[in-house]
Amino acid sequence: MGEINDLRFTAPPEDLERWEWFFKEMEKRGLITIYEVSKLYDNRGDSKLKRKYFKVKLNAEEQ
């Protein structure tokens, strides 16, 4: 089993919401454990992209 991983995603807000949904689906299946999900953060400048941070642990073992 893995360690807790800090993941940073930069994407349009709607894609970040899809990633959060996807992680929650993986957690329901026991593949990961979600420890933390951040709020959306603005990128610097006039970027339309946002940032979101996740702390997750992989539960799936290699085959």
PDB file of N, CA and C in Angstrom:
ATOM      1  N   MET A   1       0.847  -1.176   0.000  1.00  0.00           N
ATOM      2  CA  MET A   1       0.000   0.000   0.000  1.00  0.00           C
ATOM      3  C   MET A   1       0.889   1.234   0.000  1.00  0.00           C
ATOM      4  N   GLY A   2       0.399   2.292  -0.617  1.00  0.00           N
ATOM      5  CA  GLY A   2       1.208   3.475  -0.810  1.00  0.00           C
ATOM      6  C   GLY A   2       1.140   4.472   0.327  1.00  0.00           C
ATOM      7  N   GLU A   3       1.950   5.483   0.171  1.00  0.00           N
ATOM      8  CA  GLU A   3       1.969   6.621   1.083  1.00  0.00           C
ATOM      9  C   GLU A   3       0.910   7.629   0.633  1.00  0.00           C
ATOM     10  N   ILE A   4       0.669   8.638   1.463  1.00  0.00           N
ATOM     11  CA  ILE A   4      -0.242   9.716   1.075  1.00  0.00           C
ATOM     12  C   ILE A   4       0.467  10.581   0.039  1.00  0.00           C
ATOM     13  N   ASN A   5      -0.222  10.873  -1.051  1.00  0.00           N
ATOM     14  CA  ASN A   5       0.314  11.676  -2.142  1.00  0.00           C
ATOM     15  C   ASN A   5      -0.383  13.026  -2.191  1.00  0.00           C
ATOM     16  N   ASP A   6       0.399  14.078  -2.393  1.00  0.00           N
ATOM     17  CA  ASP A   6      -0.139  15.419  -2.599  1.00  0.00           C
ATOM     18  C   ASP A   6      -0.225  15.655  -4.098  1.00  0.00           C
ATOM     19  N   LEU A   7      -1.442  15.880  -4.594  1.00  0.00           N
ATOM     20  CA  LEU A   7      -1.659  16.083  -6.023  1.00  0.00           C
ATOM     21  C   LEU A   7      -2.176  17.493  -6.271  1.00  0.00           C
ATOM     22  N   ARG A   8      -1.635  18.133  -7.286  1.00  0.00           N
ATOM     23  CA  ARG A   8      -2.095  19.472  -7.674  1.00  0.00           C
ATOM     24  C   ARG A   8      -2.570  19.404  -9.110  1.00  0.00           C
ATOM     25  N   PHE A   9      -3.805  19.819  -9.323  1.00  0.00           N
ATOM     26  CA  PHE A   9      -4.385  19.852 -10.658  1.00  0.00           C
ATOM     27  C   PHE A   9      -4.622  21.299 -11.068  1.00  0.00           C
ATOM     28  N   THR A  10      -4.319  21.622 -12.308  1.00  0.00           N
ATOM     29  CA  THR A  10      -4.601  22.930 -12.883  1.00  0.00           C
ATOM     30  C   THR A  10      -5.456  22.696 -14.116  1.00  0.00           C
ATOM     31  N   ALA A  11      -6.667  23.244 -14.099  1.00  0.00           N
ATOM     32  CA  ALA A  11      -7.615  22.982 -15.184  1.00  0.00           C
ATOM     33  C   ALA A  11      -8.782  23.959 -15.075  1.00  0.00           C
ATOM     34  N   PRO A  12      -9.656  23.965 -16.073  1.00  0.00           N
ATOM     35  CA  PRO A  12     -10.888  24.752 -15.937  1.00  0.00           C
ATOM     36  C   PRO A  12     -11.705  24.230 -14.748  1.00  0.00           C
ATOM     37  N   PRO A  13     -12.455  25.096 -14.074  1.00  0.00           N
ATOM     38  CA  PRO A  13     -13.208  24.682 -12.881  1.00  0.00           C
ATOM     39  C   PRO A  13     -14.105  23.463 -13.088  1.00  0.00           C
ATOM     40  N   GLU A  14     -14.759  23.384 -14.244  1.00  0.00           N
ATOM     41  CA  GLU A  14     -15.656  22.237 -14.464  1.00  0.00           C
ATOM     42  C   GLU A  14     -14.876  20.929 -14.563  1.00  0.00           C
ATOM     43  N   ASP A  15     -13.677  20.964 -15.112  1.00  0.00           N
ATOM     44  CA  ASP A  15     -12.846  19.754 -15.158  1.00  0.00           C
ATOM     45  C   ASP A  15     -12.370  19.364 -13.766  1.00  0.00           C
ATOM     46  N   LEU A  16     -12.048  20.338 -12.937  1.00  0.00           N
ATOM     47  CA  LEU A  16     -11.622  20.039 -11.573  1.00  0.00           C
ATOM     48  C   LEU A  16     -12.744  19.372 -10.786  1.00  0.00           C
ATOM     49  N   GLU A  17     -13.975  19.800 -11.024  1.00  0.00           N
ATOM     50  CA  GLU A  17     -15.111  19.157 -10.356  1.00  0.00           C
ATOM     51  C   GLU A  17     -15.258  17.711 -10.840  1.00  0.00           C
ATOM     52  N   ARG A  18     -14.994  17.454 -12.118  1.00  0.00           N
ATOM     53  CA  ARG A  18     -15.047  16.077 -12.641  1.00  0.00           C
ATOM     54  C   ARG A  18     -13.952  15.215 -12.018  1.00  0.00           C
ATOM     55  N   TRP A  19     -12.748  15.785 -11.837  1.00  0.00           N
ATOM     56  CA  TRP A  19     -11.681  15.038 -11.179  1.00  0.00           C
ATOM     57  C   TRP A  19     -12.079  14.683  -9.753  1.00  0.00           C
ATOM     58  N   GLU A  20     -12.684  15.625  -9.046  1.00  0.00           N
ATOM     59  CA  GLU A  20     -13.118  15.337  -7.677  1.00  0.00           C
ATOM     60  C   GLU A  20     -14.150  14.217  -7.670  1.00  0.00           C
ATOM     61  N   TRP A  21     -15.104  14.269  -8.594  1.00  0.00           N
ATOM     62  CA  TRP A  21     -16.102  13.205  -8.707  1.00  0.00           C
ATOM     63  C   TRP A  21     -15.413  11.859  -8.988  1.00  0.00           C
ATOM     64  N   PHE A  22     -14.457  11.868  -9.921  1.00  0.00           N
ATOM     65  CA  PHE A  22     -13.744  10.645 -10.289  1.00  0.00           C
ATOM     66  C   PHE A  22     -13.002  10.054  -9.089  1.00  0.00           C
ATOM     67  N   PHE A  23     -12.311  10.891  -8.319  1.00  0.00           N
ATOM     68  CA  PHE A  23     -11.619  10.407  -7.129  1.00  0.00           C
ATOM     69  C   PHE A  23     -12.610   9.817  -6.127  1.00  0.00           C
ATOM     70  N   LYS A  24     -13.763  10.448  -5.963  1.00  0.00           N
ATOM     71  CA  LYS A  24     -14.772   9.932  -5.030  1.00  0.00           C
ATOM     72  C   LYS A  24     -15.297   8.580  -5.492  1.00  0.00           C
ATOM     73  N   GLU A  25     -15.443   8.404  -6.804  1.00  0.00           N
ATOM     74  CA  GLU A  25     -15.868   7.100  -7.337  1.00  0.00           C
ATOM     75  C   GLU A  25     -14.797   6.035  -7.072  1.00  0.00           C
ATOM     76  N   MET A  26     -13.530   6.391  -7.239  1.00  0.00           N
ATOM     77  CA  MET A  26     -12.441   5.438  -6.957  1.00  0.00           C
ATOM     78  C   MET A  26     -12.409   5.094  -5.473  1.00  0.00           C
ATOM     79  N   GLU A  27     -12.713   6.081  -4.622  1.00  0.00           N
ATOM     80  CA  GLU A  27     -12.739   5.818  -3.187  1.00  0.00           C
ATOM     81  C   GLU A  27     -13.875   4.859  -2.830  1.00  0.00           C
ATOM     82  N   LYS A  28     -15.042   5.023  -3.458  1.00  0.00           N
ATOM     83  CA  LYS A  28     -16.170   4.105  -3.222  1.00  0.00           C
ATOM     84  C   LYS A  28     -15.800   2.668  -3.548  1.00  0.00           C
ATOM     85  N   ARG A  29     -14.925   2.488  -4.539  1.00  0.00           N
ATOM     86  CA  ARG A  29     -14.501   1.153  -4.965  1.00  0.00           C
ATOM     87  C   ARG A  29     -13.302   0.634  -4.161  1.00  0.00           C
ATOM     88  N   GLY A  30     -12.830   1.444  -3.217  1.00  0.00           N
ATOM     89  CA  GLY A  30     -11.730   1.024  -2.370  1.00  0.00           C
ATOM     90  C   GLY A  30     -10.353   1.144  -3.005  1.00  0.00           C
ATOM     91  N   LEU A  31     -10.266   1.834  -4.136  1.00  0.00           N
ATOM     92  CA  LEU A  31      -8.981   1.958  -4.830  1.00  0.00           C
ATOM     93  C   LEU A  31      -8.085   3.031  -4.231  1.00  0.00           C
ATOM     94  N   ILE A  32      -8.690   4.069  -3.664  1.00  0.00           N
ATOM     95  CA  ILE A  32      -7.934   5.143  -3.032  1.00  0.00           C
ATOM     96  C   ILE A  32      -8.644   5.550  -1.741  1.00  0.00           C
ATOM     97  N   THR A  33      -7.929   6.266  -0.898  1.00  0.00           N
ATOM     98  CA  THR A  33      -8.504   6.937   0.263  1.00  0.00           C
ATOM     99  C   THR A  33      -8.221   8.412   0.097  1.00  0.00           C
ATOM    100  N   ILE A  34      -9.265   9.235   0.180  1.00  0.00           N
ATOM    101  CA  ILE A  34      -9.116  10.685   0.075  1.00  0.00           C
ATOM    102  C   ILE A  34      -8.981  11.242   1.486  1.00  0.00           C
ATOM    103  N   TYR A  35      -7.907  11.978   1.712  1.00  0.00           N
ATOM    104  CA  TYR A  35      -7.685  12.582   3.017  1.00  0.00           C
ATOM    105  C   TYR A  35      -8.052  14.058   3.037  1.00  0.00           C
ATOM    106  N   GLU A  36      -7.915  14.713   1.892  1.00  0.00           N
ATOM    107  CA  GLU A  36      -8.192  16.146   1.862  1.00  0.00           C
ATOM    108  C   GLU A  36      -8.457  16.591   0.431  1.00  0.00           C
ATOM    109  N   VAL A  37      -9.414  17.507   0.287  1.00  0.00           N
ATOM    110  CA  VAL A  37      -9.699  18.155  -0.993  1.00  0.00           C
ATOM    111  C   VAL A  37      -9.772  19.653  -0.716  1.00  0.00           C
ATOM    112  N   SER A  38      -8.995  20.428  -1.451  1.00  0.00           N
ATOM    113  CA  SER A  38      -8.969  21.872  -1.215  1.00  0.00           C
ATOM    114  C   SER A  38     -10.118  22.563  -1.941  1.00  0.00           C
ATOM    115  N   LYS A  39     -10.250  23.826  -1.658  1.00  0.00           N
ATOM    116  CA  LYS A  39     -11.144  24.678  -2.442  1.00  0.00           C
ATOM    117  C   LYS A  39     -10.440  25.006  -3.758  1.00  0.00           C
ATOM    118  N   LEU A  40     -11.136  25.702  -4.649  1.00  0.00           N
ATOM    119  CA  LEU A  40     -10.510  26.166  -5.892  1.00  0.00           C
ATOM    120  C   LEU A  40      -9.670  27.407  -5.606  1.00  0.00           C
ATOM    121  N   TYR A  41      -8.495  27.452  -6.207  1.00  0.00           N
ATOM    122  CA  TYR A  41      -7.614  28.610  -6.088  1.00  0.00           C
ATOM    123  C   TYR A  41      -7.402  29.226  -7.467  1.00  0.00           C
ATOM    124  N   ASP A  42      -7.344  30.550  -7.512  1.00  0.00           N
ATOM    125  CA  ASP A  42      -7.052  31.246  -8.768  1.00  0.00           C
ATOM    126  C   ASP A  42      -5.595  31.063  -9.143  1.00  0.00           C
ATOM    127  N   ASN A  43      -5.337  30.985 -10.442  1.00  0.00           N
ATOM    128  CA  ASN A  43      -3.966  31.055 -10.936  1.00  0.00           C
ATOM    129  C   ASN A  43      -3.552  32.516 -10.992  1.00  0.00           C
ATOM    130  N   ARG A  44      -2.275  32.750 -11.108  1.00  0.00           N
ATOM    131  CA  ARG A  44      -1.786  34.125 -11.198  1.00  0.00           C
ATOM    132  C   ARG A  44      -2.135  34.733 -12.546  1.00  0.00           C
ATOM    133  N   GLY A  45      -2.199  36.047 -12.560  1.00  0.00           N
ATOM    134  CA  GLY A  45      -2.487  36.742 -13.811  1.00  0.00           C
ATOM    135  C   GLY A  45      -3.946  36.615 -14.190  1.00  0.00           C
ATOM    136  N   ASP A  46      -4.196  36.635 -15.488  1.00  0.00           N
ATOM    137  CA  ASP A  46      -5.580  36.584 -15.959  1.00  0.00           C
ATOM    138  C   ASP A  46      -5.975  35.204 -16.470  1.00  0.00           C
ATOM    139  N   SER A  47      -5.308  34.177 -15.987  1.00  0.00           N
ATOM    140  CA  SER A  47      -5.605  32.798 -16.395  1.00  0.00           C
ATOM    141  C   SER A  47      -7.028  32.426 -15.998  1.00  0.00           C
ATOM    142  N   LYS A  48      -7.712  31.726 -16.883  1.00  0.00           N
ATOM    143  CA  LYS A  48      -9.060  31.239 -16.585  1.00  0.00           C
ATOM    144  C   LYS A  48      -9.004  29.881 -15.876  1.00  0.00           C
ATOM    145  N   LEU A  49      -7.809  29.311 -15.767  1.00  0.00           N
ATOM    146  CA  LEU A  49      -7.642  28.031 -15.096  1.00  0.00           C
ATOM    147  C   LEU A  49      -7.604  28.230 -13.584  1.00  0.00           C
ATOM    148  N   LYS A  50      -8.004  27.196 -12.872  1.00  0.00           N
ATOM    149  CA  LYS A  50      -7.978  27.189 -11.411  1.00  0.00           C
ATOM    150  C   LYS A  50      -7.093  26.037 -10.955  1.00  0.00           C
ATOM    151  N   ARG A  51      -6.756  26.048  -9.669  1.00  0.00           N
ATOM    152  CA  ARG A  51      -5.984  24.971  -9.068  1.00  0.00           C
ATOM    153  C   ARG A  51      -6.798  24.322  -7.961  1.00  0.00           C
ATOM    154  N   LYS A  52      -6.588  23.028  -7.795  1.00  0.00           N
ATOM    155  CA  LYS A  52      -7.217  22.281  -6.710  1.00  0.00           C
ATOM    156  C   LYS A  52      -6.218  21.233  -6.243  1.00  0.00           C
ATOM    157  N   TYR A  53      -6.156  21.035  -4.938  1.00  0.00           N
ATOM    158  CA  TYR A  53      -5.200  20.117  -4.339  1.00  0.00           C
ATOM    159  C   TYR A  53      -5.933  18.943  -3.705  1.00  0.00           C
ATOM    160  N   PHE A  54      -5.348  17.768  -3.845  1.00  0.00           N
ATOM    161  CA  PHE A  54      -5.900  16.543  -3.272  1.00  0.00           C
ATOM    162  C   PHE A  54      -4.814  15.824  -2.493  1.00  0.00           C
ATOM    163  N   LYS A  55      -5.180  15.241  -1.359  1.00  0.00           N
ATOM    164  CA  LYS A  55      -4.296  14.329  -0.629  1.00  0.00           C
ATOM    165  C   LYS A  55      -4.973  12.974  -0.685  1.00  0.00           C
ATOM    166  N   VAL A  56      -4.320  12.034  -1.350  1.00  0.00           N
ATOM    167  CA  VAL A  56      -4.898  10.701  -1.537  1.00  0.00           C
ATOM    168  C   VAL A  56      -3.841   9.617  -1.284  1.00  0.00           C
ATOM    169  N   LYS A  57      -4.324   8.439  -0.973  1.00  0.00           N
ATOM    170  CA  LYS A  57      -3.456   7.276  -0.832  1.00  0.00           C
ATOM    171  C   LYS A  57      -3.982   6.175  -1.735  1.00  0.00           C
ATOM    172  N   LEU A  58      -3.083   5.552  -2.483  1.00  0.00           N
ATOM    173  CA  LEU A  58      -3.470   4.419  -3.319  1.00  0.00           C
ATOM    174  C   LEU A  58      -3.659   3.196  -2.456  1.00  0.00           C
ATOM    175  N   ASN A  59      -4.808   2.531  -2.606  1.00  0.00           N
ATOM    176  CA  ASN A  59      -5.071   1.290  -1.888  1.00  0.00           C
ATOM    177  C   ASN A  59      -4.888   0.077  -2.786  1.00  0.00           C
ATOM    178  N   ALA A  60      -4.913   0.286  -4.080  1.00  0.00           N
ATOM    179  CA  ALA A  60      -4.801  -0.823  -5.036  1.00  0.00           C
ATOM    180  C   ALA A  60      -3.371  -1.343  -5.057  1.00  0.00           C
ATOM    181  N   GLU A  61      -3.242  -2.646  -5.040  1.00  0.00           N
ATOM    182  CA  GLU A  61      -1.921  -3.261  -5.133  1.00  0.00           C
ATOM    183  C   GLU A  61      -1.621  -3.608  -6.580  1.00  0.00           C
ATOM    184  N   GLU A  62      -0.335  -3.630  -6.907  1.00  0.00           N
ATOM    185  CA  GLU A  62       0.064  -3.975  -8.267  1.00  0.00           C
ATOM    186  C   GLU A  62      -0.291  -5.424  -8.567  1.00  0.00           C
ATOM    187  N   GLN A  63      -0.615  -5.660  -9.816  1.00  0.00           N
ATOM    188  CA  GLN A  63      -0.953  -7.033 -10.256  1.00  0.00           C
ATOM    189  C   GLN A  63       0.260  -7.719 -10.809  1.00  0.00           C
TER     190      GLN A  63
END
